[in-house]
PDB file of N, CA and C in Angstrom:
ATOM      1  N   MET A   1       0.510  -1.339  -0.420  1.00  0.00           N
ATOM      2  CA  MET A   1      -0.443  -0.065  -0.037  1.00  0.00           C
ATOM      3  C   MET A   1       0.734   0.746  -0.035  1.00  0.00           C
ATOM      4  N   LYS A   2       0.350   2.349  -0.800  1.00  0.00           N
ATOM      5  CA  LYS A   2       1.458   3.292  -0.875  1.00  0.00           C
ATOM      6  C   LYS A   2       0.694   4.430  -0.008  1.00  0.00           C
ATOM      7  N   ILE A   3       1.682   4.950   0.879  1.00  0.00           N
ATOM      8  CA  ILE A   3       1.160   6.467   1.537  1.00  0.00           C
ATOM      9  C   ILE A   3       1.239   7.690   1.088  1.00  0.00           C
ATOM     10  N   PRO A   4       0.491   7.977   0.513  1.00  0.00           N
ATOM     11  CA  PRO A   4       0.144   9.716   0.075  1.00  0.00           C
ATOM     12  C   PRO A   4       1.148  10.767   0.180  1.00  0.00           C
ATOM     13  N   ALA A   5       1.999  10.882  -1.074  1.00  0.00           N
ATOM     14  CA  ALA A   5       3.152  11.928  -0.619  1.00  0.00           C
ATOM     15  C   ALA A   5       2.078  13.141   0.333  1.00  0.00           C
ATOM     16  N   LYS A   6       2.614  14.135   0.909  1.00  0.00           N
ATOM     17  CA  LYS A   6       2.179  15.354   1.431  1.00  0.00           C
ATOM     18  C   LYS A   6       2.628  16.571  -0.111  1.00  0.00           C
ATOM     19  N   SER A   7       1.425  16.877   0.099  1.00  0.00           N
ATOM     20  CA  SER A   7       1.630  18.089  -1.094  1.00  0.00           C
ATOM     21  C   SER A   7       1.444  19.307  -0.700  1.00  0.00           C
ATOM     22  N   LYS A   8       2.050  20.080  -1.071  1.00  0.00           N
ATOM     23  CA  LYS A   8       2.738  21.563  -0.842  1.00  0.00           C
ATOM     24  C   LYS A   8       1.005  22.331  -0.719  1.00  0.00           C
ATOM     25  N   PRO A   9       1.191  23.142   0.459  1.00  0.00           N
ATOM     26  CA  PRO A   9      -0.080  24.270  -0.078  1.00  0.00           C
ATOM     27  C   PRO A   9       0.065  25.109  -1.036  1.00  0.00           C
ATOM     28  N   THR A  10      -0.909  24.694  -1.463  1.00  0.00           N
ATOM     29  CA  THR A  10      -1.222  26.718  -2.790  1.00  0.00           C
ATOM     30  C   THR A  10      -1.002  27.305  -2.495  1.00  0.00           C
ATOM     31  N   LEU A  11       0.479  27.941  -3.246  1.00  0.00           N
ATOM     32  CA  LEU A  11       0.123  29.517  -2.719  1.00  0.00           C
ATOM     33  C   LEU A  11      -0.738  30.216  -3.795  1.00  0.00           C
ATOM     34  N   SER A  12      -0.937  31.689  -2.954  1.00  0.00           N
ATOM     35  CA  SER A  12      -1.894  32.614  -3.506  1.00  0.00           C
ATOM     36  C   SER A  12      -0.707  33.508  -4.845  1.00  0.00           C
ATOM     37  N   LEU A  13      -1.846  34.264  -5.414  1.00  0.00           N
ATOM     38  CA  LEU A  13      -0.712  34.591  -6.374  1.00  0.00           C
ATOM     39  C   LEU A  13       0.158  35.673  -6.112  1.00  0.00           C
ATOM     40  N   GLN A  14       0.158  35.872  -5.115  1.00  0.00           N
ATOM     41  CA  GLN A  14       0.937  37.078  -4.185  1.00  0.00           C
ATOM     42  C   GLN A  14       2.381  36.473  -3.906  1.00  0.00           C
ATOM     43  N   GLN A  15       1.788  35.484  -2.745  1.00  0.00           N
ATOM     44  CA  GLN A  15       2.793  34.868  -2.365  1.00  0.00           C
ATOM     45  C   GLN A  15       3.753  34.408  -3.431  1.00  0.00           C
ATOM     46  N   PHE A  16       2.913  33.825  -4.560  1.00  0.00           N
ATOM     47  CA  PHE A  16       4.301  33.133  -5.831  1.00  0.00           C
ATOM     48  C   PHE A  16       4.938  34.425  -6.051  1.00  0.00           C
ATOM     49  N   ILE A  17       4.831  35.209  -6.438  1.00  0.00           N
ATOM     50  CA  ILE A  17       5.581  36.532  -6.870  1.00  0.00           C
ATOM     51  C   ILE A  17       6.285  36.810  -5.315  1.00  0.00           C
ATOM     52  N   LEU A  18       6.223  37.348  -4.422  1.00  0.00           N
ATOM     53  CA  LEU A  18       6.887  37.425  -3.354  1.00  0.00           C
ATOM     54  C   LEU A  18       8.165  36.018  -3.249  1.00  0.00           C
ATOM     55  N   LYS A  19       7.601  34.897  -3.216  1.00  0.00           N
ATOM     56  CA  LYS A  19       8.915  33.117  -3.314  1.00  0.00           C
ATOM     57  C   LYS A  19       9.469  33.736  -4.382  1.00  0.00           C
ATOM     58  N   GLN A  20       9.285  34.657  -5.951  1.00  0.00           N
ATOM     59  CA  GLN A  20      10.390  34.631  -7.022  1.00  0.00           C
ATOM     60  C   GLN A  20      10.844  35.508  -6.525  1.00  0.00           C
ATOM     61  N   GLU A  21      10.643  36.921  -5.747  1.00  0.00           N
ATOM     62  CA  GLU A  21      11.359  37.776  -5.354  1.00  0.00           C
ATOM     63  C   GLU A  21      12.455  37.566  -4.353  1.00  0.00           C
ATOM     64  N   VAL A  22      11.733  36.606  -3.646  1.00  0.00           N
ATOM     65  CA  VAL A  22      13.309  36.468  -2.290  1.00  0.00           C
ATOM     66  C   VAL A  22      14.015  35.359  -3.558  1.00  0.00           C
ATOM     67  N   LYS A  23      13.852  34.473  -4.385  1.00  0.00           N
ATOM     68  CA  LYS A  23      14.955  33.886  -4.638  1.00  0.00           C
ATOM     69  C   LYS A  23      15.730  34.490  -5.697  1.00  0.00           C
ATOM     70  N   ASN A  24      15.248  35.369  -6.117  1.00  0.00           N
ATOM     71  CA  ASN A  24      15.844  36.550  -7.141  1.00  0.00           C
ATOM     72  C   ASN A  24      16.429  37.203  -6.162  1.00  0.00           C
ATOM     73  N   LEU A  25      16.226  37.218  -4.979  1.00  0.00           N
ATOM     74  CA  LEU A  25      17.251  39.058  -4.457  1.00  0.00           C
ATOM     75  C   LEU A  25      18.447  37.869  -3.393  1.00  0.00           C
ATOM     76  N   TYR A  26      18.172  36.260  -3.755  1.00  0.00           N
ATOM     77  CA  TYR A  26      19.564  35.500  -3.088  1.00  0.00           C
ATOM     78  C   TYR A  26      20.070  35.143  -4.390  1.00  0.00           C
ATOM     79  N   ARG A  27      19.916  34.994  -5.691  1.00  0.00           N
ATOM     80  CA  ARG A  27      20.511  34.774  -6.470  1.00  0.00           C
ATOM     81  C   ARG A  27      21.477  35.936  -6.804  1.00  0.00           C
ATOM     82  N   GLN A  28      21.009  37.606  -6.689  1.00  0.00           N
ATOM     83  CA  GLN A  28      21.889  38.468  -7.157  1.00  0.00           C
ATOM     84  C   GLN A  28      23.012  38.964  -5.618  1.00  0.00           C
ATOM     85  N   MET A  29      21.995  38.401  -4.720  1.00  0.00           N
ATOM     86  CA  MET A  29      23.135  38.255  -3.876  1.00  0.00           C
ATOM     87  C   MET A  29      24.308  37.970  -3.737  1.00  0.00           C
ATOM     88  N   PHE A  30      24.185  36.468  -4.092  1.00  0.00           N
ATOM     89  CA  PHE A  30      25.426  35.897  -4.233  1.00  0.00           C
ATOM     90  C   PHE A  30      26.609  35.752  -5.364  1.00  0.00           C
ATOM     91  N   ARG A  31      25.592  36.820  -6.633  1.00  0.00           N
ATOM     92  CA  ARG A  31      26.556  36.754  -8.003  1.00  0.00           C
ATOM     93  C   ARG A  31      26.905  38.825  -7.416  1.00  0.00           C
ATOM     94  N   ALA A  32      26.590  39.262  -6.312  1.00  0.00           N
ATOM     95  CA  ALA A  32      27.596  40.199  -5.834  1.00  0.00           C
ATOM     96  C   ALA A  32      28.729  39.910  -5.298  1.00  0.00           C
ATOM     97  N   ILE A  33      28.268  38.865  -4.297  1.00  0.00           N
ATOM     98  CA  ILE A  33      29.537  38.503  -3.258  1.00  0.00           C
ATOM     99  C   ILE A  33      30.859  38.126  -4.360  1.00  0.00           C
ATOM    100  N   ARG A  34      30.673  37.446  -5.229  1.00  0.00           N
ATOM    101  CA  ARG A  34      31.409  36.685  -6.279  1.00  0.00           C
ATOM    102  C   ARG A  34      32.319  37.900  -7.050  1.00  0.00           C
ATOM    103  N   GLU A  35      32.484  39.058  -6.817  1.00  0.00           N
ATOM    104  CA  GLU A  35      33.156  39.967  -6.985  1.00  0.00           C
ATOM    105  C   GLU A  35      33.644  40.653  -6.040  1.00  0.00           C
ATOM    106  N   VAL A  36      33.587  39.640  -4.655  1.00  0.00           N
ATOM    107  CA  VAL A  36      34.405  40.446  -3.799  1.00  0.00           C
ATOM    108  C   VAL A  36      36.029  39.765  -3.343  1.00  0.00           C
ATOM    109  N   PRO A  37      36.748  40.548  -4.136  1.00  0.00           N
ATOM    110  CA  PRO A  37      37.697  39.823  -3.873  1.00  0.00           C
ATOM    111  C   PRO A  37      38.978  39.034  -2.986  1.00  0.00           C
ATOM    112  N   ASP A  38      38.526  39.387  -1.745  1.00  0.00           N
ATOM    113  CA  ASP A  38      38.689  38.868  -0.913  1.00  0.00           C
ATOM    114  C   ASP A  38      37.764  37.388  -0.604  1.00  0.00           C
ATOM    115  N   LYS A  39      38.973  36.226  -0.738  1.00  0.00           N
ATOM    116  CA  LYS A  39      37.938  34.874  -0.488  1.00  0.00           C
ATOM    117  C   LYS A  39      37.319  33.936   0.994  1.00  0.00           C
ATOM    118  N   THR A  40      37.843  35.446   1.971  1.00  0.00           N
ATOM    119  CA  THR A  40      37.585  34.964   3.279  1.00  0.00           C
ATOM    120  C   THR A  40      36.301  36.030   3.238  1.00  0.00           C
ATOM    121  N   HIS A  41      36.187  37.132   2.739  1.00  0.00           N
ATOM    122  CA  HIS A  41      35.583  38.386   2.801  1.00  0.00           C
ATOM    123  C   HIS A  41      34.554  37.247   2.041  1.00  0.00           C
ATOM    124  N   GLN A  42      34.306  36.794   1.064  1.00  0.00           N
ATOM    125  CA  GLN A  42      33.306  35.670   0.053  1.00  0.00           C
ATOM    126  C   GLN A  42      32.860  34.602   1.147  1.00  0.00           C
ATOM    127  N   LYS A  43      33.397  33.733   1.609  1.00  0.00           N
ATOM    128  CA  LYS A  43      33.160  33.018   2.665  1.00  0.00           C
ATOM    129  C   LYS A  43      31.942  33.626   3.878  1.00  0.00           C
ATOM    130  N   GLU A  44      32.558  34.877   4.406  1.00  0.00           N
ATOM    131  CA  GLU A  44      31.564  35.284   5.629  1.00  0.00           C
ATOM    132  C   GLU A  44      30.724  35.920   5.000  1.00  0.00           C
ATOM    133  N   LEU A  45      30.364  36.666   3.762  1.00  0.00           N
ATOM    134  CA  LEU A  45      29.133  36.659   3.379  1.00  0.00           C
ATOM    135  C   LEU A  45      28.419  35.963   2.878  1.00  0.00           C
ATOM    136  N   LYS A  46      28.887  35.415   2.398  1.00  0.00           N
ATOM    137  CA  LYS A  46      27.773  33.685   1.913  1.00  0.00           C
ATOM    138  C   LYS A  46      26.883  33.387   2.923  1.00  0.00           C
ATOM    139  N   ASP A  47      28.317  32.867   3.969  1.00  0.00           N
ATOM    140  CA  ASP A  47      27.291  32.850   5.456  1.00  0.00           C
ATOM    141  C   ASP A  47      26.436  33.144   6.365  1.00  0.00           C
ATOM    142  N   TRP A  48      26.696  34.552   6.067  1.00  0.00           N
ATOM    143  CA  TRP A  48      25.650  35.343   6.131  1.00  0.00           C
ATOM    144  C   TRP A  48      24.471  35.791   5.478  1.00  0.00           C
ATOM    145  N   VAL A  49      24.256  35.124   4.398  1.00  0.00           N
ATOM    146  CA  VAL A  49      22.996  35.445   3.610  1.00  0.00           C
ATOM    147  C   VAL A  49      22.796  34.072   3.466  1.00  0.00           C
ATOM    148  N   ARG A  50      23.294  33.116   3.458  1.00  0.00           N
ATOM    149  CA  ARG A  50      22.575  32.056   4.301  1.00  0.00           C
ATOM    150  C   ARG A  50      22.180  31.881   5.234  1.00  0.00           C
ATOM    151  N   THR A  51      22.480  32.216   6.537  1.00  0.00           N
ATOM    152  CA  THR A  51      21.763  32.312   7.726  1.00  0.00           C
ATOM    153  C   THR A  51      20.912  33.493   7.877  1.00  0.00           C
ATOM    154  N   GLU A  52      20.848  34.279   7.274  1.00  0.00           N
ATOM    155  CA  GLU A  52      19.667  35.181   6.916  1.00  0.00           C
ATOM    156  C   GLU A  52      18.420  34.515   6.730  1.00  0.00           C
ATOM    157  N   PHE A  53      18.772  33.959   5.239  1.00  0.00           N
ATOM    158  CA  PHE A  53      17.742  33.642   4.436  1.00  0.00           C
ATOM    159  C   PHE A  53      17.107  32.411   5.215  1.00  0.00           C
ATOM    160  N   ARG A  54      17.671  31.323   6.035  1.00  0.00           N
ATOM    161  CA  ARG A  54      17.310  30.467   6.823  1.00  0.00           C
ATOM    162  C   ARG A  54      15.837  30.949   7.757  1.00  0.00           C
ATOM    163  N   GLN A  55      17.218  31.907   8.605  1.00  0.00           N
ATOM    164  CA  GLN A  55      16.388  32.386   9.548  1.00  0.00           C
ATOM    165  C   GLN A  55      14.812  32.747   9.522  1.00  0.00           C
ATOM    166  N   ASN A  56      14.764  33.475   8.271  1.00  0.00           N
ATOM    167  CA  ASN A  56      13.288  34.620   7.958  1.00  0.00           C
ATOM    168  C   ASN A  56      12.837  33.009   6.855  1.00  0.00           C
ATOM    169  N   SER A  57      13.199  32.315   6.678  1.00  0.00           N
ATOM    170  CA  SER A  57      12.397  31.553   6.135  1.00  0.00           C
ATOM    171  C   SER A  57      11.098  30.937   6.329  1.00  0.00           C
ATOM    172  N   ASN A  58      11.255  30.569   7.268  1.00  0.00           N
ATOM    173  CA  ASN A  58       9.238  30.221   7.646  1.00  0.00           C
ATOM    174  C   ASN A  58       8.218  31.089   8.180  1.00  0.00           C
ATOM    175  N   ASN A  59       8.631  32.354   7.732  1.00  0.00           N
ATOM    176  CA  ASN A  59       7.749  33.959   7.402  1.00  0.00           C
ATOM    177  C   ASN A  59       6.680  33.287   6.996  1.00  0.00           C
ATOM    178  N   THR A  60       5.371  33.914   7.381  1.00  0.00           N
ATOM    179  CA  THR A  60       3.971  33.562   5.831  1.00  0.00           C
ATOM    180  C   THR A  60       3.498  34.781   5.949  1.00  0.00           C
ATOM    181  N   ASP A  61       3.614  35.944   7.425  1.00  0.00           N
ATOM    182  CA  ASP A  61       3.361  36.926   6.668  1.00  0.00           C
ATOM    183  C   ASP A  61       3.447  38.179   5.671  1.00  0.00           C
ATOM    184  N   GLU A  62       3.260  38.506   4.738  1.00  0.00           N
ATOM    185  CA  GLU A  62       3.412  39.138   3.260  1.00  0.00           C
ATOM    186  C   GLU A  62       3.999  40.654   3.436  1.00  0.00           C
ATOM    187  N   THR A  63       3.445  40.660   4.934  1.00  0.00           N
ATOM    188  CA  THR A  63       3.965  42.453   5.505  1.00  0.00           C
ATOM    189  C   THR A  63       5.614  42.164   5.638  1.00  0.00           C
ATOM    190  N   VAL A  64       5.866  41.279   6.656  1.00  0.00           N
ATOM    191  CA  VAL A  64       7.022  41.334   6.962  1.00  0.00           C
ATOM    192  C   VAL A  64       8.015  40.642   5.573  1.00  0.00           C
ATOM    193  N   ILE A  65       7.781  39.584   4.985  1.00  0.00           N
ATOM    194  CA  ILE A  65       8.162  39.254   3.689  1.00  0.00           C
ATOM    195  C   ILE A  65       8.356  40.616   2.990  1.00  0.00           C
ATOM    196  N   LYS A  66       7.970  41.429   3.110  1.00  0.00           N
ATOM    197  CA  LYS A  66       8.005  42.554   1.810  1.00  0.00           C
ATOM    198  C   LYS A  66       9.069  43.144   2.571  1.00  0.00           C
ATOM    199  N   MET A  67       9.068  43.439   3.837  1.00  0.00           N
ATOM    200  CA  MET A  67      10.036  44.167   4.949  1.00  0.00           C
ATOM    201  C   MET A  67      11.389  43.749   4.349  1.00  0.00           C
ATOM    202  N   TYR A  68      11.691  42.839   4.312  1.00  0.00           N
ATOM    203  CA  TYR A  68      12.913  41.575   4.426  1.00  0.00           C
ATOM    204  C   TYR A  68      12.902  41.458   3.339  1.00  0.00           C
ATOM    205  N   ILE A  69      12.169  41.698   2.187  1.00  0.00           N
ATOM    206  CA  ILE A  69      12.931  41.818   0.696  1.00  0.00           C
ATOM    207  C   ILE A  69      13.825  43.649   0.558  1.00  0.00           C
ATOM    208  N   GLN A  70      12.808  44.114   1.323  1.00  0.00           N
ATOM    209  CA  GLN A  70      13.079  45.901   1.015  1.00  0.00           C
ATOM    210  C   GLN A  70      14.643  45.758   1.557  1.00  0.00           C
ATOM    211  N   TYR A  71      14.673  45.653   2.964  1.00  0.00           N
ATOM    212  CA  TYR A  71      16.391  45.462   3.870  1.00  0.00           C
ATOM    213  C   TYR A  71      17.231  44.598   2.743  1.00  0.00           C
ATOM    214  N   GLY A  72      16.892  43.485   2.563  1.00  0.00           N
ATOM    215  CA  GLY A  72      17.845  42.849   1.392  1.00  0.00           C
ATOM    216  C   GLY A  72      18.318  43.600   0.100  1.00  0.00           C
ATOM    217  N   LYS A  73      17.479  43.985  -0.482  1.00  0.00           N
ATOM    218  CA  LYS A  73      17.825  44.950  -1.513  1.00  0.00           C
ATOM    219  C   LYS A  73      18.687  46.259  -1.065  1.00  0.00           C
ATOM    220  N   ARG A  74      18.186  46.734   0.240  1.00  0.00           N
ATOM    221  CA  ARG A  74      19.306  47.614   0.852  1.00  0.00           C
ATOM    222  C   ARG A  74      20.566  46.793   1.115  1.00  0.00           C
ATOM    223  N   CYS A  75      20.910  46.099   1.840  1.00  0.00           N
ATOM    224  CA  CYS A  75      22.008  45.494   1.964  1.00  0.00           C
ATOM    225  C   CYS A  75      22.723  44.766   0.532  1.00  0.00           C
ATOM    226  N   LEU A  76      21.988  44.804  -0.428  1.00  0.00           N
ATOM    227  CA  LEU A  76      22.332  44.775  -2.029  1.00  0.00           C
ATOM    228  C   LEU A  76      23.226  45.622  -2.674  1.00  0.00           C
ATOM    229  N   ARG A  77      22.318  46.450  -2.762  1.00  0.00           N
ATOM    230  CA  ARG A  77      23.236  48.255  -3.301  1.00  0.00           C
ATOM    231  C   ARG A  77      23.868  48.245  -2.453  1.00  0.00           C
ATOM    232  N   GLN A  78      24.343  48.242  -1.048  1.00  0.00           N
ATOM    233  CA  GLN A  78      25.455  48.497  -0.303  1.00  0.00           C
ATOM    234  C   GLN A  78      26.128  47.249  -0.663  1.00  0.00           C
ATOM    235  N   LEU A  79      26.558  45.982  -0.629  1.00  0.00           N
ATOM    236  CA  LEU A  79      26.937  45.245  -1.276  1.00  0.00           C
ATOM    237  C   LEU A  79      27.883  45.503  -2.372  1.00  0.00           C
ATOM    238  N   GLU A  80      26.814  46.283  -3.676  1.00  0.00           N
ATOM    239  CA  GLU A  80      27.434  46.196  -4.975  1.00  0.00           C
ATOM    240  C   GLU A  80      28.328  47.328  -4.822  1.00  0.00           C
ATOM    241  N   SER A  81      28.044  48.814  -4.460  1.00  0.00           N
ATOM    242  CA  SER A  81      29.108  49.819  -3.904  1.00  0.00           C
ATOM    243  C   SER A  81      29.879  49.400  -3.400  1.00  0.00           C
ATOM    244  N   SER A  82      30.158  48.864  -2.808  1.00  0.00           N
ATOM    245  CA  SER A  82      31.463  48.933  -1.954  1.00  0.00           C
ATOM    246  C   SER A  82      32.271  47.753  -2.909  1.00  0.00           C
ATOM    247  N   VAL A  83      31.741  47.024  -3.714  1.00  0.00           N
ATOM    248  CA  VAL A  83      32.572  45.960  -4.210  1.00  0.00           C
ATOM    249  C   VAL A  83      32.765  47.228  -5.441  1.00  0.00           C
ATOM    250  N   GLY A  84      32.028  48.089  -6.081  1.00  0.00           N
ATOM    251  CA  GLY A  84      32.429  48.945  -7.248  1.00  0.00           C
ATOM    252  C   GLY A  84      33.408  49.858  -6.635  1.00  0.00           C
ATOM    253  N   LEU A  85      33.633  49.980  -5.343  1.00  0.00           N
ATOM    254  CA  LEU A  85      35.050  51.292  -4.463  1.00  0.00           C
ATOM    255  C   LEU A  85      36.113  50.014  -4.488  1.00  0.00           C
ATOM    256  N   ALA A  86      36.050  49.050  -4.753  1.00  0.00           N
ATOM    257  CA  ALA A  86      37.082  48.109  -3.896  1.00  0.00           C
ATOM    258  C   ALA A  86      37.836  47.982  -5.809  1.00  0.00           C
ATOM    259  N   LYS A  87      37.205  47.582  -6.954  1.00  0.00           N
ATOM    260  CA  LYS A  87      38.012  47.482  -7.970  1.00  0.00           C
ATOM    261  C   LYS A  87      38.719  48.703  -8.128  1.00  0.00           C
TER     262      LYS A  87
END
């Protein structure tokens, strides 16, 4: 007898869009980190990004998620401008 697999809850359109925004932000952060010349700093930044995203991965409140996305975008801009200055 087969045990039915647990199905994931269906996301609303807004939840789906937010999820895609979070994924894109995560990818953008890692692309920007690749531009950091110092490998030690790269590792620290990667660890920090992973930790931040994991700590907040269980949030379901759309307002909180939007707030974190804005925070992440600000961090990304700071990282990109810092890397631009270092070149």
